[in-house]
């Protein structure tokens, strides 16, 4: 389990502001992406399409 901190919150807000109109991301997906980016960890997902537009994110497809 990872704590949500100010850095993650800030990253989340930036992601939502940048992609909310163009990609219509889900709030929970952007929180997960922000956490992955801030902690520098891979994001394992069954749906790469929810995250592939985010630069610098390390995606690992489980499908």
Protein backbone atom coordinates (compact mmCIF):
# COMPACT_ATOMS: atom_id res chain seq x y z
CA UNK A 1 0.00 0.00 0.00
CA UNK A 2 1.29 3.45 -0.89
CA UNK A 3 0.33 6.73 0.74
CA UNK A 4 -1.12 9.57 -1.29
CA UNK A 5 0.99 12.64 -0.62
CA UNK A 6 1.23 16.22 -1.88
CA UNK A 7 3.45 15.22 -4.82
CA UNK A 8 0.93 12.61 -6.00
CA UNK A 9 -1.95 15.05 -5.54
CA UNK A 10 -0.15 17.68 -7.58
CA UNK A 11 0.70 15.18 -10.33
CA UNK A 12 -2.90 13.94 -10.36
CA UNK A 13 -4.23 17.46 -10.80
CA UNK A 14 -1.78 18.13 -13.63
CA UNK A 15 -2.77 14.91 -15.41
CA UNK A 16 -6.48 15.67 -15.07
CA UNK A 17 -6.01 19.22 -16.32
CA UNK A 18 -3.91 18.11 -19.27
CA UNK A 19 -5.93 15.09 -20.42
CA UNK A 20 -9.51 15.49 -19.20
CA UNK A 21 -10.79 17.00 -22.45
CA UNK A 22 -8.71 15.06 -24.95
CA UNK A 23 -8.76 11.55 -23.42
CA UNK A 24 -11.63 11.59 -20.90
CA UNK A 25 -9.67 9.68 -18.23
CA UNK A 26 -11.29 8.19 -15.17
CA UNK A 27 -10.39 9.81 -11.87
CA UNK A 28 -9.15 6.57 -10.35
CA UNK A 29 -6.96 5.82 -13.38
CA UNK A 30 -5.28 9.22 -13.14
CA UNK A 31 -4.68 8.75 -9.41
CA UNK A 32 -3.06 5.40 -10.16
CA UNK A 33 -0.96 6.97 -12.94
CA UNK A 34 0.13 9.85 -10.69
CA UNK A 35 1.16 7.38 -7.99
CA UNK A 36 3.15 5.31 -10.50
CA UNK A 37 4.93 8.39 -11.82
CA UNK A 38 5.74 9.84 -8.39
CA UNK A 39 7.06 6.59 -6.95
CA UNK A 40 8.83 5.69 -10.21
CA UNK A 41 7.26 2.25 -10.34
CA UNK A 42 5.83 0.19 -13.19
CA UNK A 43 2.10 0.22 -13.74
CA UNK A 44 0.71 -3.25 -14.43
CA UNK A 45 -2.59 -3.05 -16.29
CA UNK A 46 -5.05 -5.03 -18.38
CA UNK A 47 -5.98 -1.86 -20.26
CA UNK A 48 -2.94 -0.06 -21.65
CA UNK A 49 -5.23 2.33 -23.55
CA UNK A 50 -6.17 4.05 -20.28
CA UNK A 51 -2.56 5.14 -19.74
CA UNK A 52 -0.54 4.98 -22.99
CA UNK A 53 -0.93 8.70 -23.71
CA UNK A 54 0.94 9.67 -20.53
CA UNK A 55 4.62 10.33 -21.23
CA UNK A 56 7.25 8.75 -18.98
CA UNK A 57 4.85 6.19 -17.50
CA UNK A 58 6.24 2.66 -17.35
CA UNK A 59 3.43 0.39 -18.54
CA UNK A 60 3.40 -3.39 -18.36
CA UNK A 61 0.50 -5.05 -20.16
CA UNK A 62 -1.08 -8.06 -18.49
CA UNK A 63 -3.21 -8.97 -21.49
